[in-house]
């Protein structure tokens, strides 16, 4: 039996994303060697490559999530969200190597996207770092490899995913197992659109454009497109570091020009 399974965290309220997600998942990872599970409430996704885990009514996020995880037989999971739309081929061999390293170090978690990045080095692995106890967002719902039982133990009834990332990160400090992440500047083995393709319940405009380029229909009758104002605010947030560097370069050039003018 495989030791690792892909677990796609979802619910029936996001069923309109299942077709875009799996269309891109199997396009960019056609030879995925692991069982693939989709978390749902009552609906089914009809694809023989996907096993739908139906857990009943969506009482709250933590309840649905924990019931779904309990139904997975594999001891480790690669956690994904249904709006992580893949945009490049998956490096399957690298995922396997990272999974081997995670087990070698008896780690609870290995984040596959450095958001945020680790704050300590792993001397025996240039690609991976350790996330120290007390670090903000020591756990996130970004793509990552998890010891399934550890993940289950960190989920508390009634929490939202945002509460889980904050309060769950604090709970990880009580564990002796390492929490790892690939380092910033290292190529990601799974590349997906931004952080999520849906933001505050609405489709991100550039995610919809990406789907259209891929020949994938997006059902905008089920979920609205984000307002233009929110779209522009999100772009500023996304590109703020680059904009800040540009601002500093412009200021430096103006300062040099003024100094040259006064020196004449």
C-alpha atoms as a PDB file:
ATOM      1  CA  UNK A   1       0.000   0.000   0.000  1.00  0.00           C
ATOM      2  CA  UNK A   2       1.180   3.516  -0.757  1.00  0.00           C
ATOM      3  CA  UNK A   3       2.394   5.451   2.274  1.00  0.00           C
ATOM      4  CA  UNK A   4       1.294   8.777   0.782  1.00  0.00           C
ATOM      5  CA  UNK A   5      -2.051   9.957  -0.593  1.00  0.00           C
ATOM      6  CA  UNK A   6      -3.168  13.206  -2.218  1.00  0.00           C
ATOM      7  CA  UNK A   7      -5.963  14.730  -0.122  1.00  0.00           C
ATOM      8  CA  UNK A   8      -7.906  17.556  -1.787  1.00  0.00           C
ATOM      9  CA  UNK A   9      -9.644  19.591   0.892  1.00  0.00           C
ATOM     10  CA  UNK A  10     -13.065  20.821  -0.269  1.00  0.00           C
ATOM     11  CA  UNK A  11     -16.809  20.756   0.387  1.00  0.00           C
ATOM     12  CA  UNK A  12     -19.980  20.820  -1.715  1.00  0.00           C
ATOM     13  CA  UNK A  13     -20.057  24.633  -1.649  1.00  0.00           C
ATOM     14  CA  UNK A  14     -16.932  24.580  -3.845  1.00  0.00           C
ATOM     15  CA  UNK A  15     -18.092  21.851  -6.238  1.00  0.00           C
ATOM     16  CA  UNK A  16     -17.906  24.338  -9.133  1.00  0.00           C
ATOM     17  CA  UNK A  17     -14.100  24.275  -8.760  1.00  0.00           C
ATOM     18  CA  UNK A  18     -13.695  20.511  -8.970  1.00  0.00           C
ATOM     19  CA  UNK A  19     -13.700  20.272 -12.747  1.00  0.00           C
ATOM     20  CA  UNK A  20     -11.146  23.103 -13.283  1.00  0.00           C
ATOM     21  CA  UNK A  21      -8.954  21.734 -10.481  1.00  0.00           C
ATOM     22  CA  UNK A  22      -8.828  18.134 -11.680  1.00  0.00           C
ATOM     23  CA  UNK A  23      -8.542  19.108 -15.351  1.00  0.00           C
ATOM     24  CA  UNK A  24      -5.313  20.942 -14.517  1.00  0.00           C
ATOM     25  CA  UNK A  25      -4.208  18.401 -11.888  1.00  0.00           C
ATOM     26  CA  UNK A  26      -4.221  15.506 -14.344  1.00  0.00           C
ATOM     27  CA  UNK A  27      -2.879  17.621 -17.198  1.00  0.00           C
ATOM     28  CA  UNK A  28       0.200  18.588 -15.195  1.00  0.00           C
ATOM     29  CA  UNK A  29       0.493  15.400 -13.116  1.00  0.00           C
ATOM     30  CA  UNK A  30      -0.848  12.674 -15.415  1.00  0.00           C
ATOM     31  CA  UNK A  31       1.253   9.926 -13.817  1.00  0.00           C
ATOM     32  CA  UNK A  32       0.525  10.829 -10.194  1.00  0.00           C
ATOM     33  CA  UNK A  33       1.664   7.680  -8.332  1.00  0.00           C
ATOM     34  CA  UNK A  34      -0.475   8.250  -5.241  1.00  0.00           C
ATOM     35  CA  UNK A  35      -4.156   7.613  -4.492  1.00  0.00           C
ATOM     36  CA  UNK A  36      -6.199  10.815  -4.903  1.00  0.00           C
ATOM     37  CA  UNK A  37      -9.033  11.655  -2.490  1.00  0.00           C
ATOM     38  CA  UNK A  38     -11.529  14.514  -2.705  1.00  0.00           C
ATOM     39  CA  UNK A  39     -13.304  15.718   0.447  1.00  0.00           C
ATOM     40  CA  UNK A  40     -17.030  16.435  -0.094  1.00  0.00           C
ATOM     41  CA  UNK A  41     -20.308  16.455   1.812  1.00  0.00           C
ATOM     42  CA  UNK A  42     -22.966  14.737  -0.308  1.00  0.00           C
ATOM     43  CA  UNK A  43     -21.900  15.300  -3.933  1.00  0.00           C
ATOM     44  CA  UNK A  44     -19.708  12.957  -5.943  1.00  0.00           C
ATOM     45  CA  UNK A  45     -16.995  13.734  -8.498  1.00  0.00           C
ATOM     46  CA  UNK A  46     -17.263  11.125 -11.245  1.00  0.00           C
ATOM     47  CA  UNK A  47     -13.698  10.326 -12.260  1.00  0.00           C
ATOM     48  CA  UNK A  48     -12.270   6.846 -11.764  1.00  0.00           C
ATOM     49  CA  UNK A  49      -8.910   8.376 -10.814  1.00  0.00           C
ATOM     50  CA  UNK A  50     -10.472  10.181  -7.825  1.00  0.00           C
ATOM     51  CA  UNK A  51     -12.072   8.703  -4.704  1.00  0.00           C
ATOM     52  CA  UNK A  52     -14.681  11.044  -3.232  1.00  0.00           C
ATOM     53  CA  UNK A  53     -14.891  10.954   0.568  1.00  0.00           C
ATOM     54  CA  UNK A  54     -18.411  12.058   1.534  1.00  0.00           C
ATOM     55  CA  UNK A  55     -18.764  13.053   5.182  1.00  0.00           C
ATOM     56  CA  UNK A  56     -22.326  14.391   5.338  1.00  0.00           C
ATOM     57  CA  UNK A  57     -23.582  17.825   6.326  1.00  0.00           C
ATOM     58  CA  UNK A  58     -21.041  20.648   6.537  1.00  0.00           C
ATOM     59  CA  UNK A  59     -21.403  21.446  10.253  1.00  0.00           C
ATOM     60  CA  UNK A  60     -18.191  23.484  10.278  1.00  0.00           C
ATOM     61  CA  UNK A  61     -14.817  23.403   8.534  1.00  0.00           C
ATOM     62  CA  UNK A  62     -12.935  21.541  11.274  1.00  0.00           C
ATOM     63  CA  UNK A  63     -15.655  18.885  11.588  1.00  0.00           C
ATOM     64  CA  UNK A  64     -15.724  18.209   7.841  1.00  0.00           C
ATOM     65  CA  UNK A  65     -11.936  18.251   7.538  1.00  0.00           C
ATOM     66  CA  UNK A  66     -11.253  15.883  10.437  1.00  0.00           C
ATOM     67  CA  UNK A  67     -13.932  13.390   9.341  1.00  0.00           C
ATOM     68  CA  UNK A  68     -12.451  13.325   5.861  1.00  0.00           C
ATOM     69  CA  UNK A  69      -8.904  12.807   7.129  1.00  0.00           C
ATOM     70  CA  UNK A  70     -10.044   9.937   9.338  1.00  0.00           C
ATOM     71  CA  UNK A  71     -11.305   8.125   6.231  1.00  0.00           C
ATOM     72  CA  UNK A  72      -7.897   8.175   4.500  1.00  0.00           C
ATOM     73  CA  UNK A  73      -6.048   4.872   5.050  1.00  0.00           C
ATOM     74  CA  UNK A  74      -2.567   6.120   4.107  1.00  0.00           C
ATOM     75  CA  UNK A  75      -0.367   7.370   6.992  1.00  0.00           C
ATOM     76  CA  UNK A  76       0.804  10.508   5.120  1.00  0.00           C
ATOM     77  CA  UNK A  77      -1.086  13.013   2.986  1.00  0.00           C
ATOM     78  CA  UNK A  78      -0.173  15.642   0.443  1.00  0.00           C
ATOM     79  CA  UNK A  79      -2.677  18.338   1.370  1.00  0.00           C
ATOM     80  CA  UNK A  80      -4.130  20.509  -1.411  1.00  0.00           C
ATOM     81  CA  UNK A  81      -7.060  22.907  -1.719  1.00  0.00           C
ATOM     82  CA  UNK A  82      -9.525  22.654  -4.591  1.00  0.00           C
ATOM     83  CA  UNK A  83      -8.600  26.118  -5.833  1.00  0.00           C
ATOM     84  CA  UNK A  84      -4.878  25.431  -6.141  1.00  0.00           C
ATOM     85  CA  UNK A  85      -4.963  25.435  -9.935  1.00  0.00           C
ATOM     86  CA  UNK A  86      -1.796  23.826 -11.290  1.00  0.00           C
ATOM     87  CA  UNK A  87      -0.021  25.845 -13.970  1.00  0.00           C
ATOM     88  CA  UNK A  88       3.116  23.802 -14.707  1.00  0.00           C
ATOM     89  CA  UNK A  89       4.216  20.144 -14.755  1.00  0.00           C
ATOM     90  CA  UNK A  90       4.652  18.604 -11.302  1.00  0.00           C
ATOM     91  CA  UNK A  91       8.126  17.363 -10.339  1.00  0.00           C
ATOM     92  CA  UNK A  92       6.993  13.968  -9.079  1.00  0.00           C
ATOM     93  CA  UNK A  93      10.522  12.663  -8.427  1.00  0.00           C
ATOM     94  CA  UNK A  94      11.274  15.671  -6.256  1.00  0.00           C
ATOM     95  CA  UNK A  95       8.100  15.192  -4.220  1.00  0.00           C
ATOM     96  CA  UNK A  96       9.175  11.607  -3.596  1.00  0.00           C
ATOM     97  CA  UNK A  97      12.668  12.769  -2.535  1.00  0.00           C
ATOM     98  CA  UNK A  98      11.183  15.364  -0.172  1.00  0.00           C
ATOM     99  CA  UNK A  99       8.819  12.748   1.230  1.00  0.00           C
ATOM    100  CA  UNK A 100      11.772  10.414   1.871  1.00  0.00           C
ATOM    101  CA  UNK A 101      13.645  13.227   3.635  1.00  0.00           C
ATOM    102  CA  UNK A 102      10.609  14.087   5.743  1.00  0.00           C
ATOM    103  CA  UNK A 103      10.343  10.503   6.982  1.00  0.00           C
ATOM    104  CA  UNK A 104      14.100  10.257   7.520  1.00  0.00           C
ATOM    105  CA  UNK A 105      13.873  13.289   9.840  1.00  0.00           C
ATOM    106  CA  UNK A 106      10.638  12.018  11.466  1.00  0.00           C
ATOM    107  CA  UNK A 107       9.085  15.379  10.591  1.00  0.00           C
ATOM    108  CA  UNK A 108       5.411  16.144  11.120  1.00  0.00           C
ATOM    109  CA  UNK A 109       5.150  18.444   8.105  1.00  0.00           C
ATOM    110  CA  UNK A 110       7.030  19.616   5.032  1.00  0.00           C
ATOM    111  CA  UNK A 111       5.644  22.697   3.286  1.00  0.00           C
ATOM    112  CA  UNK A 112       5.995  22.588  -0.505  1.00  0.00           C
ATOM    113  CA  UNK A 113       5.571  26.324  -1.017  1.00  0.00           C
ATOM    114  CA  UNK A 114       7.627  28.667   1.221  1.00  0.00           C
ATOM    115  CA  UNK A 115       4.757  30.922   2.301  1.00  0.00           C
ATOM    116  CA  UNK A 116       6.189  31.858   4.738  1.00  0.00           C
ATOM    117  CA  UNK A 117       9.693  30.402   4.336  1.00  0.00           C
ATOM    118  CA  UNK A 118      11.578  28.491   7.048  1.00  0.00           C
ATOM    119  CA  UNK A 119      13.740  30.420   9.506  1.00  0.00           C
ATOM    120  CA  UNK A 120      16.416  27.788  10.259  1.00  0.00           C
ATOM    121  CA  UNK A 121      18.725  25.809   7.998  1.00  0.00           C
ATOM    122  CA  UNK A 122      18.874  22.038   7.606  1.00  0.00           C
ATOM    123  CA  UNK A 123      22.656  21.427   7.349  1.00  0.00           C
ATOM    124  CA  UNK A 124      22.185  18.193   5.400  1.00  0.00           C
ATOM    125  CA  UNK A 125      19.729  19.573   2.809  1.00  0.00           C
ATOM    126  CA  UNK A 126      20.179  22.808   0.861  1.00  0.00           C
ATOM    127  CA  UNK A 127      16.577  22.730  -0.412  1.00  0.00           C
ATOM    128  CA  UNK A 128      14.855  22.445   2.964  1.00  0.00           C
ATOM    129  CA  UNK A 129      14.800  24.458   6.180  1.00  0.00           C
ATOM    130  CA  UNK A 130      13.184  24.045   9.580  1.00  0.00           C
ATOM    131  CA  UNK A 131      10.372  26.214  10.938  1.00  0.00           C
ATOM    132  CA  UNK A 132      11.158  27.097  14.547  1.00  0.00           C
ATOM    133  CA  UNK A 133       8.728  26.809  17.439  1.00  0.00           C
ATOM    134  CA  UNK A 134       6.907  30.086  17.963  1.00  0.00           C
ATOM    135  CA  UNK A 135       7.162  31.068  14.291  1.00  0.00           C
ATOM    136  CA  UNK A 136       4.034  32.659  12.844  1.00  0.00           C
ATOM    137  CA  UNK A 137       2.138  30.344  10.515  1.00  0.00           C
ATOM    138  CA  UNK A 138       4.273  27.356  11.460  1.00  0.00           C
ATOM    139  CA  UNK A 139       1.501  25.422   9.790  1.00  0.00           C
ATOM    140  CA  UNK A 140      -0.565  26.598   6.844  1.00  0.00           C
ATOM    141  CA  UNK A 141      -3.031  25.090   4.396  1.00  0.00           C
ATOM    142  CA  UNK A 142      -0.608  25.712   1.530  1.00  0.00           C
ATOM    143  CA  UNK A 143       0.436  22.555  -0.306  1.00  0.00           C
ATOM    144  CA  UNK A 144       2.377  20.345   2.071  1.00  0.00           C
ATOM    145  CA  UNK A 145       3.278  16.828   3.149  1.00  0.00           C
ATOM    146  CA  UNK A 146       1.775  15.794   6.484  1.00  0.00           C
ATOM    147  CA  UNK A 147       1.884  12.970   8.955  1.00  0.00           C
ATOM    148  CA  UNK A 148      -1.857  12.362   8.890  1.00  0.00           C
ATOM    149  CA  UNK A 149      -2.233  11.559  12.590  1.00  0.00           C
ATOM    150  CA  UNK A 150      -0.302  14.696  13.592  1.00  0.00           C
ATOM    151  CA  UNK A 151      -2.490  16.785  11.301  1.00  0.00           C
ATOM    152  CA  UNK A 152      -5.624  15.247  12.836  1.00  0.00           C
ATOM    153  CA  UNK A 153      -4.380  15.993  16.335  1.00  0.00           C
ATOM    154  CA  UNK A 154      -3.949  19.693  15.497  1.00  0.00           C
ATOM    155  CA  UNK A 155      -7.504  20.209  14.189  1.00  0.00           C
ATOM    156  CA  UNK A 156      -9.888  21.529  16.852  1.00  0.00           C
ATOM    157  CA  UNK A 157     -13.671  21.360  16.571  1.00  0.00           C
ATOM    158  CA  UNK A 158     -15.374  24.553  15.443  1.00  0.00           C
ATOM    159  CA  UNK A 159     -12.316  26.272  13.967  1.00  0.00           C
ATOM    160  CA  UNK A 160     -12.204  27.926  10.565  1.00  0.00           C
ATOM    161  CA  UNK A 161      -9.163  27.308   8.310  1.00  0.00           C
ATOM    162  CA  UNK A 162      -7.847  30.769   9.259  1.00  0.00           C
ATOM    163  CA  UNK A 163      -8.174  30.019  12.976  1.00  0.00           C
ATOM    164  CA  UNK A 164      -6.522  26.667  12.368  1.00  0.00           C
ATOM    165  CA  UNK A 165      -3.476  28.319  10.793  1.00  0.00           C
ATOM    166  CA  UNK A 166      -3.078  30.736  13.724  1.00  0.00           C
ATOM    167  CA  UNK A 167      -4.130  28.651  16.724  1.00  0.00           C
ATOM    168  CA  UNK A 168      -2.887  25.389  15.214  1.00  0.00           C
ATOM    169  CA  UNK A 169       0.559  26.962  14.732  1.00  0.00           C
ATOM    170  CA  UNK A 170       0.653  27.677  18.472  1.00  0.00           C
ATOM    171  CA  UNK A 171      -0.353  24.094  19.231  1.00  0.00           C
ATOM    172  CA  UNK A 172       2.577  22.770  17.177  1.00  0.00           C
ATOM    173  CA  UNK A 173       4.951  24.210  19.809  1.00  0.00           C
ATOM    174  CA  UNK A 174       3.885  21.377  22.118  1.00  0.00           C
ATOM    175  CA  UNK A 175       5.172  18.752  19.664  1.00  0.00           C
ATOM    176  CA  UNK A 176       8.739  17.463  19.477  1.00  0.00           C
ATOM    177  CA  UNK A 177       8.546  16.565  15.784  1.00  0.00           C
ATOM    178  CA  UNK A 178      10.267  18.927  13.293  1.00  0.00           C
ATOM    179  CA  UNK A 179       8.227  21.180  10.980  1.00  0.00           C
ATOM    180  CA  UNK A 180       9.977  21.723   7.665  1.00  0.00           C
ATOM    181  CA  UNK A 181       9.582  23.777   4.494  1.00  0.00           C
ATOM    182  CA  UNK A 182      11.351  24.126   1.184  1.00  0.00           C
ATOM    183  CA  UNK A 183      13.494  27.268   1.208  1.00  0.00           C
ATOM    184  CA  UNK A 184      12.779  30.562  -0.495  1.00  0.00           C
ATOM    185  CA  UNK A 185      14.388  30.785  -3.920  1.00  0.00           C
ATOM    186  CA  UNK A 186      14.141  27.042  -4.473  1.00  0.00           C
ATOM    187  CA  UNK A 187      11.979  25.819  -7.352  1.00  0.00           C
ATOM    188  CA  UNK A 188       8.630  24.517  -6.121  1.00  0.00           C
ATOM    189  CA  UNK A 189       7.766  20.913  -7.037  1.00  0.00           C
ATOM    190  CA  UNK A 190       4.105  21.955  -7.427  1.00  0.00           C
ATOM    191  CA  UNK A 191       3.378  25.302  -9.065  1.00  0.00           C
ATOM    192  CA  UNK A 192      -0.138  26.635  -8.777  1.00  0.00           C
ATOM    193  CA  UNK A 193      -1.850  29.946  -9.372  1.00  0.00           C
ATOM    194  CA  UNK A 194      -1.020  32.638  -6.768  1.00  0.00           C
ATOM    195  CA  UNK A 195      -2.174  31.463  -3.304  1.00  0.00           C
ATOM    196  CA  UNK A 196      -5.743  30.518  -4.217  1.00  0.00           C
ATOM    197  CA  UNK A 197      -7.883  30.968  -7.337  1.00  0.00           C
ATOM    198  CA  UNK A 198     -10.856  32.052  -5.234  1.00  0.00           C
ATOM    199  CA  UNK A 199     -10.478  35.029  -2.911  1.00  0.00           C
ATOM    200  CA  UNK A 200     -13.214  36.027  -0.463  1.00  0.00           C
ATOM    201  CA  UNK A 201     -15.646  33.716  -2.197  1.00  0.00           C
ATOM    202  CA  UNK A 202     -15.158  35.165  -5.708  1.00  0.00           C
ATOM    203  CA  UNK A 203     -13.132  33.994  -8.688  1.00  0.00           C
ATOM    204  CA  UNK A 204      -9.859  35.890  -9.140  1.00  0.00           C
ATOM    205  CA  UNK A 205      -9.940  37.527 -12.552  1.00  0.00           C
ATOM    206  CA  UNK A 206      -6.499  36.330 -13.590  1.00  0.00           C
ATOM    207  CA  UNK A 207      -7.365  32.754 -12.520  1.00  0.00           C
ATOM    208  CA  UNK A 208     -10.364  32.832 -14.861  1.00  0.00           C
ATOM    209  CA  UNK A 209      -8.123  34.116 -17.675  1.00  0.00           C
ATOM    210  CA  UNK A 210      -5.676  31.285 -16.982  1.00  0.00           C
ATOM    211  CA  UNK A 211      -8.501  28.723 -17.207  1.00  0.00           C
ATOM    212  CA  UNK A 212      -9.631  30.192 -20.522  1.00  0.00           C
ATOM    213  CA  UNK A 213      -6.081  29.893 -21.881  1.00  0.00           C
ATOM    214  CA  UNK A 214      -6.154  26.243 -20.823  1.00  0.00           C
ATOM    215  CA  UNK A 215      -9.509  25.698 -22.576  1.00  0.00           C
ATOM    216  CA  UNK A 216     -11.346  25.183 -19.270  1.00  0.00           C
ATOM    217  CA  UNK A 217     -14.840  26.547 -18.730  1.00  0.00           C
ATOM    218  CA  UNK A 218     -15.481  28.408 -15.480  1.00  0.00           C
ATOM    219  CA  UNK A 219     -19.056  28.459 -14.194  1.00  0.00           C
ATOM    220  CA  UNK A 220     -19.594  32.121 -13.296  1.00  0.00           C
ATOM    221  CA  UNK A 221     -23.274  31.458 -12.624  1.00  0.00           C
ATOM    222  CA  UNK A 222     -22.266  29.579  -9.453  1.00  0.00           C
ATOM    223  CA  UNK A 223     -19.618  32.016  -8.219  1.00  0.00           C
ATOM    224  CA  UNK A 224     -19.151  35.696  -9.012  1.00  0.00           C
ATOM    225  CA  UNK A 225     -16.069  37.315 -10.481  1.00  0.00           C
ATOM    226  CA  UNK A 226     -14.159  39.516  -8.046  1.00  0.00           C
ATOM    227  CA  UNK A 227     -14.923  43.271  -8.267  1.00  0.00           C
ATOM    228  CA  UNK A 228     -12.374  45.384 -10.133  1.00  0.00           C
ATOM    229  CA  UNK A 229     -11.473  47.347  -6.997  1.00  0.00           C
ATOM    230  CA  UNK A 230     -10.581  44.183  -5.081  1.00  0.00           C
ATOM    231  CA  UNK A 231      -8.637  42.901  -8.092  1.00  0.00           C
ATOM    232  CA  UNK A 232      -6.431  46.004  -8.247  1.00  0.00           C
ATOM    233  CA  UNK A 233      -5.875  45.991  -4.460  1.00  0.00           C
ATOM    234  CA  UNK A 234      -4.819  42.342  -4.671  1.00  0.00           C
ATOM    235  CA  UNK A 235      -2.378  43.083  -7.499  1.00  0.00           C
ATOM    236  CA  UNK A 236      -0.768  45.857  -5.458  1.00  0.00           C
ATOM    237  CA  UNK A 237      -0.465  43.481  -2.487  1.00  0.00           C
ATOM    238  CA  UNK A 238       0.974  40.727  -4.673  1.00  0.00           C
ATOM    239  CA  UNK A 239       3.559  42.973  -6.335  1.00  0.00           C
ATOM    240  CA  UNK A 240       4.242  45.304  -3.385  1.00  0.00           C
ATOM    241  CA  UNK A 241       7.872  44.191  -2.826  1.00  0.00           C
ATOM    242  CA  UNK A 242       8.696  44.885  -6.487  1.00  0.00           C
ATOM    243  CA  UNK A 243       6.872  48.224  -6.374  1.00  0.00           C
ATOM    244  CA  UNK A 244       8.734  49.134  -3.175  1.00  0.00           C
ATOM    245  CA  UNK A 245      12.103  48.320  -4.792  1.00  0.00           C
ATOM    246  CA  UNK A 246      11.158  50.398  -7.849  1.00  0.00           C
ATOM    247  CA  UNK A 247      10.203  53.315  -5.588  1.00  0.00           C
ATOM    248  CA  UNK A 248      13.591  53.136  -3.837  1.00  0.00           C
ATOM    249  CA  UNK A 249      15.458  53.064  -7.161  1.00  0.00           C
ATOM    250  CA  UNK A 250      13.532  56.106  -8.419  1.00  0.00           C
ATOM    251  CA  UNK A 251      14.258  58.020  -5.194  1.00  0.00           C
ATOM    252  CA  UNK A 252      17.957  57.114  -5.411  1.00  0.00           C
ATOM    253  CA  UNK A 253      18.165  58.299  -9.026  1.00  0.00           C
ATOM    254  CA  UNK A 254      16.401  61.566  -8.182  1.00  0.00           C
ATOM    255  CA  UNK A 255      18.749  62.114  -5.254  1.00  0.00           C
ATOM    256  CA  UNK A 256      21.829  61.546  -7.442  1.00  0.00           C
ATOM    257  CA  UNK A 257      20.421  63.890 -10.094  1.00  0.00           C
ATOM    258  CA  UNK A 258      19.821  66.625  -7.503  1.00  0.00           C
ATOM    259  CA  UNK A 259      23.286  66.179  -5.993  1.00  0.00           C
ATOM    260  CA  UNK A 260      24.841  66.416  -9.471  1.00  0.00           C
ATOM    261  CA  UNK A 261      22.830  69.578 -10.180  1.00  0.00           C
ATOM    262  CA  UNK A 262      23.917  71.261  -6.914  1.00  0.00           C
ATOM    263  CA  UNK A 263      27.545  70.304  -7.417  1.00  0.00           C
ATOM    264  CA  UNK A 264      27.748  72.253 -10.691  1.00  0.00           C
END
